Amino acid sequence: MSIRGFIWIIISIILFVVLTSPGLLFLLQMLFYLLVGWVFYLKRVLPEVQIGWSGVGMGATCLVLLAFGLHGFMRWMAREVNPGQVWKRKWTGAMILGVIALFVSGMSVAGVTHQVGWLLTSKEPLLMGGDRIVLQRMQSINNLKQIGFSVWNYETEHSSFPPGTIVTDSGQPLHGWPTLLLPYMELTKLSNKIDLSLPWNDPTNAAAFQTHVYPYMNPRLGSTANPGEYARIHYASNARVLGGDRRLTARDFTDGTSSTIIGGEVAGQFKPWGHPVQWRDLGLGINQSPDGFGSPFPGGAQFMMADGSVKFLKNSISPTVLKALATPNGGEVVLEDSYE
């Protein structure tokens, strides 16, 4: 073997060791998600997006009015400062593009700042269990936030929270809150395939309810349904908020939205997401019963609060505190340090 060949073998071994080291592999994985992760997100979301043309028209109209108003103002300003100066349209166009860029970058910076702030101040044991678990926990948090925001979007349109289930005149359950939230989760196309006048398990609705809804799936668990079965959900609502056929309003949260749980993760007894009964009793504790709340992640479970935030509650939380967090209008006073 030549010296050059021997050197190439040594270099190859070094590169292999470096590239397969856990730390560098995590950095490469994060770089991959940052560069092309958005492609997979768009591939999943775009087919379900329904364009609100009225909103697009309103935005375009406002942008045109801003352009004309800005151009007229800048022409006047240019003449006042320098009577011979002519303000050009391309300068106005550049300013409009700058405003749009600032708007987009501002939203991006706000999002990044929010996530970084959460990472720095979170009480959760995010580093427990390795790099993959960290990413999976973050995705589960995002799922819960999306569900919580959808609940409030529903409330904005209907002036009430969704009921836990909708029933027939005779009291037969038809569909649950996960089905009612689909249009508010950019899943209108899937929602339109469901006949709400028929039970969820009617053959007419079978194809829709066999479709996986990713915001309802904990990434730690993946798919918990076999091919051809109804797709499962890994989250449940608080029975005292989204339970039964009653509808709460924002006025019902007299204990405060930041002190009331809407729902959270579950670790067993998974139901099809189309099932009309998707609530659980917080009185069963956390990771104490297969019929209660729990998580595949260690230490506790993540819950969405009525104010849109997500909080990590430990398995050891006091039952009294947990009951207080479960009631929207129980009159209890809950201090945040009592469940940190």
Protein backbone atom coordinates (compact mmCIF):
# COMPACT_ATOMS: atom_id res chain seq x y z
CA MET A 1 0.00 0.00 0.00
CA SER A 2 1.31 3.43 -0.93
CA ILE A 3 1.80 6.22 1.59
CA ARG A 4 -0.91 8.26 -0.13
CA GLY A 5 -3.40 5.38 0.20
CA PHE A 6 -2.53 4.92 3.88
CA ILE A 7 -3.07 8.65 4.52
CA TRP A 8 -6.48 8.52 2.84
CA ILE A 9 -7.49 5.56 5.03
CA ILE A 10 -6.47 7.48 8.18
CA ILE A 11 -8.37 10.58 7.02
CA SER A 12 -11.44 8.48 6.25
CA ILE A 13 -11.37 6.89 9.70
CA ILE A 14 -11.04 10.31 11.39
CA LEU A 15 -13.91 11.74 9.34
CA PHE A 16 -16.06 8.73 10.17
CA VAL A 17 -15.41 9.07 13.90
CA VAL A 18 -16.06 12.82 13.85
CA LEU A 19 -19.20 12.64 11.75
CA THR A 20 -20.73 9.87 13.85
CA SER A 21 -20.04 11.50 17.21
CA PRO A 22 -23.35 12.30 19.00
CA GLY A 23 -22.66 16.01 19.46
CA LEU A 24 -21.78 16.70 15.84
CA LEU A 25 -24.59 14.47 14.62
CA PHE A 26 -27.04 16.58 16.62
CA LEU A 27 -25.60 19.80 15.15
CA LEU A 28 -25.83 18.41 11.63
CA GLN A 29 -29.39 17.29 12.30
CA MET A 30 -30.33 20.75 13.58
CA LEU A 31 -28.67 22.37 10.55
CA PHE A 32 -30.62 20.07 8.26
CA TYR A 33 -33.93 20.99 9.94
CA LEU A 34 -33.11 24.70 9.76
CA LEU A 35 -32.21 24.57 6.05
CA VAL A 36 -34.83 22.22 4.62
CA GLY A 37 -37.24 21.46 7.46
CA TRP A 38 -39.65 24.07 6.17
CA VAL A 39 -39.97 22.09 2.90
CA PHE A 40 -41.54 19.14 4.72
CA TYR A 41 -43.82 21.49 6.65
CA LEU A 42 -45.06 23.16 3.46
CA LYS A 43 -45.53 19.79 1.77
CA ARG A 44 -47.79 18.72 4.63
CA VAL A 45 -49.67 21.99 5.13
CA LEU A 46 -50.12 23.53 1.67
CA PRO A 47 -52.56 20.88 0.35
CA GLU A 48 -54.86 21.73 3.26
CA VAL A 49 -54.60 25.52 3.02
CA GLN A 50 -57.74 27.35 2.01
CA ILE A 51 -57.05 30.88 0.76
CA GLY A 52 -59.28 33.52 2.29
CA TRP A 53 -59.67 35.73 -0.76
CA SER A 54 -61.50 38.42 1.17
CA GLY A 55 -58.46 38.77 3.46
CA VAL A 56 -56.09 38.73 0.50
CA GLY A 57 -58.16 41.42 -1.21
CA MET A 58 -58.22 43.56 1.92
CA GLY A 59 -54.46 43.24 2.37
CA ALA A 60 -53.77 44.06 -1.28
CA THR A 61 -56.08 47.09 -1.12
CA CYS A 62 -54.33 48.40 2.01
CA LEU A 63 -50.93 47.89 0.37
CA VAL A 64 -51.98 49.77 -2.77
CA LEU A 65 -53.42 52.64 -0.73
CA LEU A 66 -50.22 52.77 1.30
CA ALA A 67 -48.14 52.89 -1.89
CA PHE A 68 -50.18 55.73 -3.42
CA GLY A 69 -50.31 57.68 -0.18
CA LEU A 70 -46.58 57.25 0.47
CA HIS A 71 -45.67 58.19 -3.10
CA GLY A 72 -47.80 61.35 -2.94
CA PHE A 73 -46.33 62.34 0.41
CA MET A 74 -42.73 61.74 -0.72
CA ARG A 75 -43.29 63.76 -3.93
CA TRP A 76 -44.56 66.64 -1.83
CA MET A 77 -41.69 66.31 0.61
CA ALA A 78 -39.13 66.22 -2.20
CA ARG A 79 -40.52 69.43 -3.73
CA GLU A 80 -40.51 71.17 -0.34
CA VAL A 81 -36.89 70.23 0.36
CA ASN A 82 -35.62 70.72 -3.20
CA PRO A 83 -38.01 72.38 -5.68
CA GLY A 84 -36.22 70.76 -8.61
CA GLN A 85 -36.26 67.26 -7.16
CA VAL A 86 -38.57 64.64 -8.75
CA TRP A 87 -39.46 61.69 -6.56
CA LYS A 88 -39.37 58.48 -8.62
CA ARG A 89 -41.81 55.56 -8.42
CA LYS A 90 -39.02 53.03 -7.98
CA TRP A 91 -37.98 54.81 -4.78
CA THR A 92 -41.50 54.40 -3.41
CA GLY A 93 -41.46 50.76 -4.51
CA ALA A 94 -38.20 50.22 -2.64
CA MET A 95 -39.69 51.75 0.51
CA ILE A 96 -42.77 49.53 0.27
CA LEU A 97 -40.56 46.45 -0.12
CA GLY A 98 -38.59 47.63 2.90
CA VAL A 99 -41.78 47.94 4.96
CA ILE A 100 -42.82 44.41 3.95
CA ALA A 101 -39.35 43.06 4.78
CA LEU A 102 -39.41 44.76 8.19
CA PHE A 103 -42.86 43.32 8.89
CA VAL A 104 -41.79 39.78 7.98
CA SER A 105 -38.49 40.04 9.85
CA GLY A 106 -40.27 41.48 12.88
CA MET A 107 -42.61 38.49 13.01
CA SER A 108 -39.64 36.13 12.60
CA VAL A 109 -37.62 37.83 15.35
CA ALA A 110 -40.64 37.77 17.66
CA GLY A 111 -41.06 34.05 17.05
CA VAL A 112 -37.37 33.28 17.58
CA THR A 113 -37.25 35.46 20.70
CA HIS A 114 -40.31 33.74 22.13
CA GLN A 115 -38.82 30.27 21.57
CA VAL A 116 -35.40 31.22 22.93
CA GLY A 117 -36.98 32.86 25.97
CA TRP A 118 -39.05 29.76 26.58
CA LEU A 119 -35.96 27.53 26.33
CA LEU A 120 -34.08 29.70 28.82
CA THR A 121 -36.89 29.98 31.37
CA SER A 122 -38.70 26.65 31.00
CA LYS A 123 -38.94 24.49 34.12
CA GLU A 124 -39.13 21.34 32.00
CA PRO A 125 -36.30 18.80 31.96
CA LEU A 126 -35.74 19.31 28.25
CA LEU A 127 -32.29 17.76 28.24
CA MET A 128 -33.43 14.53 29.79
CA GLY A 129 -33.19 11.58 27.43
CA GLY A 130 -31.04 12.84 24.59
CA ASP A 131 -31.22 15.12 21.59
CA ARG A 132 -34.10 13.36 19.84
CA ILE A 133 -36.32 13.61 22.90
CA VAL A 134 -35.65 17.36 23.09
CA LEU A 135 -36.93 17.84 19.56
CA GLN A 136 -39.92 15.58 20.16
CA ARG A 137 -40.89 17.46 23.31
CA MET A 138 -40.70 20.77 21.46
CA GLN A 139 -42.92 19.40 18.69
CA SER A 140 -45.44 18.16 21.23
CA ILE A 141 -45.46 21.63 22.81
CA ASN A 142 -46.13 23.16 19.39
CA ASN A 143 -48.99 20.69 18.86
CA LEU A 144 -50.58 21.73 22.15
CA LYS A 145 -50.18 25.41 21.31
CA GLN A 146 -51.80 24.87 17.93
CA ILE A 147 -54.74 23.11 19.56
CA GLY A 148 -55.07 25.90 22.13
CA PHE A 149 -54.97 28.64 19.49
CA SER A 150 -57.58 26.76 17.45
CA VAL A 151 -59.88 26.68 20.47
CA TRP A 152 -59.66 30.47 20.74
CA ASN A 153 -60.14 30.89 16.98
CA TYR A 154 -63.30 28.83 17.33
CA GLU A 155 -64.37 31.03 20.25
CA THR A 156 -63.81 34.17 18.17
CA GLU A 157 -66.19 32.93 15.48
CA HIS A 158 -68.84 31.27 17.69
CA SER A 159 -68.57 33.39 20.88
CA SER A 160 -68.02 30.18 22.86
CA PHE A 161 -65.57 27.35 23.22
CA PRO A 162 -66.40 24.20 21.25
CA PRO A 163 -68.43 21.62 23.14
CA GLY A 164 -66.71 18.41 24.09
CA THR A 165 -69.12 16.61 21.79
CA ILE A 166 -72.09 17.36 19.57
CA VAL A 167 -75.11 15.10 19.97
CA THR A 168 -78.36 14.34 18.18
CA ASP A 169 -81.74 15.44 19.53
CA SER A 170 -81.99 12.03 21.19
CA GLY A 171 -78.60 12.48 22.88
CA GLN A 172 -76.51 10.22 20.62
CA PRO A 173 -72.89 11.49 20.41
CA LEU A 174 -71.82 12.33 16.87
CA HIS A 175 -68.46 14.14 16.87
CA GLY A 176 -65.93 15.52 19.34
CA TRP A 177 -63.96 18.72 19.69
CA PRO A 178 -61.00 17.48 17.54
CA THR A 179 -63.34 17.31 14.55
CA LEU A 180 -64.82 20.74 15.25
CA LEU A 181 -61.34 22.33 15.39
CA LEU A 182 -60.17 21.11 11.98
CA PRO A 183 -61.20 24.28 10.06
CA TYR A 184 -59.21 26.37 12.55
CA MET A 185 -56.06 24.28 12.09
CA GLU A 186 -55.72 24.87 8.32
CA LEU A 187 -57.39 21.51 7.70
CA THR A 188 -60.54 22.73 6.01
CA LYS A 189 -60.19 20.28 3.14
CA LEU A 190 -60.24 17.35 5.56
CA SER A 191 -63.12 18.91 7.51
CA ASN A 192 -65.18 19.21 4.34
CA LYS A 193 -64.96 15.43 3.86
CA ILE A 194 -66.81 14.81 7.13
CA ASP A 195 -70.60 14.69 7.29
CA LEU A 196 -71.36 16.09 10.75
CA SER A 197 -74.97 14.91 10.52
CA LEU A 198 -73.79 11.28 10.54
CA PRO A 199 -71.95 9.52 13.40
CA TRP A 200 -68.18 9.63 13.30
CA ASN A 201 -67.95 5.88 12.64
CA ASP A 202 -70.46 5.88 9.79
CA PRO A 203 -68.88 4.33 6.65
CA THR A 204 -69.36 7.65 4.86
CA ASN A 205 -66.84 9.26 7.23
CA ALA A 206 -64.40 6.35 7.39
CA ALA A 207 -61.82 7.68 4.92
CA ALA A 208 -61.61 11.06 6.66
CA PHE A 209 -61.11 9.58 10.13
CA GLN A 210 -58.43 7.19 8.88
CA THR A 211 -56.36 10.24 7.93
CA HIS A 212 -53.54 11.10 10.31
CA VAL A 213 -53.79 14.61 11.76
CA TYR A 214 -50.23 15.49 12.74
CA PRO A 215 -51.05 18.15 15.37
CA TYR A 216 -52.98 15.38 17.19
CA MET A 217 -49.99 13.01 17.16
CA ASN A 218 -47.26 13.07 19.79
CA PRO A 219 -43.99 12.64 17.83
CA ARG A 220 -42.63 10.47 20.63
CA LEU A 221 -45.38 7.94 19.95
CA GLY A 222 -45.67 8.16 16.17
CA SER A 223 -48.60 6.33 14.61
CA THR A 224 -50.44 4.14 17.10
CA ALA A 225 -52.91 2.78 14.56
CA ASN A 226 -52.51 -0.05 12.09
CA PRO A 227 -53.11 0.54 8.35
CA GLY A 228 -56.83 0.68 7.63
CA GLU A 229 -57.72 1.60 11.23
CA TYR A 230 -58.96 4.94 12.48
CA ALA A 231 -56.07 7.35 13.16
CA ARG A 232 -55.42 8.03 16.85
CA ILE A 233 -55.03 11.17 18.95
CA HIS A 234 -52.44 11.48 21.74
CA TYR A 235 -54.00 14.45 23.53
CA ALA A 236 -57.21 14.89 25.52
CA SER A 237 -59.22 17.78 26.87
CA ASN A 238 -59.96 18.67 30.47
CA ALA A 239 -63.40 17.22 31.25
CA ARG A 240 -64.37 20.41 33.09
CA VAL A 241 -63.63 22.66 30.10
CA LEU A 242 -64.20 20.66 26.91
CA GLY A 243 -66.37 17.88 28.25
CA GLY A 244 -69.94 16.87 27.47
CA ASP A 245 -72.12 18.92 25.14
CA ARG A 246 -71.94 22.19 27.08
CA ARG A 247 -70.26 25.31 25.69
CA LEU A 248 -68.16 27.55 27.91
CA THR A 249 -67.51 31.19 27.16
CA ALA A 250 -64.58 33.43 28.05
CA ARG A 251 -66.67 34.84 30.92
CA ASP A 252 -66.75 31.40 32.54
CA PHE A 253 -63.01 31.50 33.31
CA THR A 254 -63.31 33.48 36.50
CA ASP A 255 -60.27 31.69 37.98
CA GLY A 256 -58.16 33.15 35.17
CA THR A 257 -57.16 31.66 31.84
CA SER A 258 -53.54 31.25 32.96
CA SER A 259 -54.73 29.05 35.86
CA THR A 260 -57.07 26.77 33.93
CA ILE A 261 -56.07 23.70 31.92
CA ILE A 262 -57.74 23.08 28.55
CA GLY A 263 -56.09 19.73 27.92
CA GLY A 264 -52.81 17.88 27.70
CA GLU A 265 -50.81 14.82 26.76
CA VAL A 266 -51.97 11.26 27.33
CA ALA A 267 -49.79 8.16 27.41
CA GLY A 268 -52.27 5.33 26.93
CA GLN A 269 -55.80 4.26 26.02
CA PHE A 270 -55.54 6.21 22.76
CA LYS A 271 -58.80 6.77 20.94
CA PRO A 272 -59.45 7.57 17.27
CA TRP A 273 -59.34 11.34 16.91
CA GLY A 274 -62.86 11.23 15.47
CA HIS A 275 -64.31 9.61 18.59
CA PRO A 276 -66.86 11.96 20.21
CA VAL A 277 -65.52 11.46 23.76
CA GLN A 278 -62.03 12.95 24.02
CA TRP A 279 -61.87 14.30 27.57
CA ARG A 280 -60.27 12.98 30.75
CA ASP A 281 -60.44 13.66 34.46
CA LEU A 282 -57.48 15.49 35.96
CA GLY A 283 -58.49 14.04 39.32
CA LEU A 284 -56.84 10.79 38.21
CA GLY A 285 -53.45 12.46 38.52
CA ILE A 286 -50.56 12.55 36.05
CA ASN A 287 -49.15 9.23 34.83
CA GLN A 288 -51.14 7.52 37.59
CA SER A 289 -53.88 5.90 35.50
CA PRO A 290 -54.12 4.70 31.87
CA ASP A 291 -57.43 6.56 31.67
CA GLY A 292 -55.94 9.83 32.90
CA PHE A 293 -53.37 12.27 31.63
CA GLY A 294 -49.74 11.31 31.16
CA SER A 295 -46.84 11.47 28.80
CA PRO A 296 -44.26 9.23 27.11
CA PHE A 297 -41.67 11.75 28.27
CA PRO A 298 -40.23 11.30 31.77
CA GLY A 299 -41.14 13.28 34.86
CA GLY A 300 -44.64 14.50 34.12
CA ALA A 301 -46.75 15.78 31.23
CA GLN A 302 -47.32 18.95 29.21
CA PHE A 303 -50.62 20.82 29.37
CA MET A 304 -52.15 23.65 27.37
CA MET A 305 -53.59 26.43 29.47
CA ALA A 306 -56.58 28.55 28.54
CA ASP A 307 -54.32 31.57 27.90
CA GLY A 308 -52.51 29.70 25.10
CA SER A 309 -49.38 28.84 27.07
CA VAL A 310 -48.04 25.32 27.63
CA LYS A 311 -46.86 24.25 31.08
CA PHE A 312 -45.07 21.15 32.31
CA LEU A 313 -46.65 19.58 35.39
CA LYS A 314 -44.73 17.00 37.40
CA ASN A 315 -46.07 13.62 38.39
CA SER A 316 -45.70 14.69 42.03
CA ILE A 317 -48.01 17.71 41.76
CA SER A 318 -50.42 18.09 44.67
CA PRO A 319 -53.90 16.68 43.89
CA THR A 320 -55.38 19.83 45.43
CA VAL A 321 -53.41 22.07 43.06
CA LEU A 322 -54.25 19.86 40.09
CA LYS A 323 -57.96 20.03 40.92
CA ALA A 324 -57.74 23.82 41.19
CA LEU A 325 -56.10 24.01 37.75
CA ALA A 326 -58.86 21.81 36.35
CA THR A 327 -61.74 24.11 37.31
CA PRO A 328 -62.37 27.30 35.30
CA ASN A 329 -64.54 28.88 37.99
CA GLY A 330 -63.90 27.00 41.21
CA GLY A 331 -62.76 30.09 43.09
CA GLU A 332 -59.38 28.61 44.05
CA VAL A 333 -56.24 30.73 44.16
CA VAL A 334 -53.30 28.91 42.56
CA LEU A 335 -49.79 30.30 42.88
CA GLU A 336 -47.47 29.41 40.03
CA ASP A 337 -44.69 28.30 42.37
CA SER A 338 -47.05 25.65 43.76
CA TYR A 339 -46.69 23.55 40.63
CA GLU A 340 -43.26 24.48 39.33
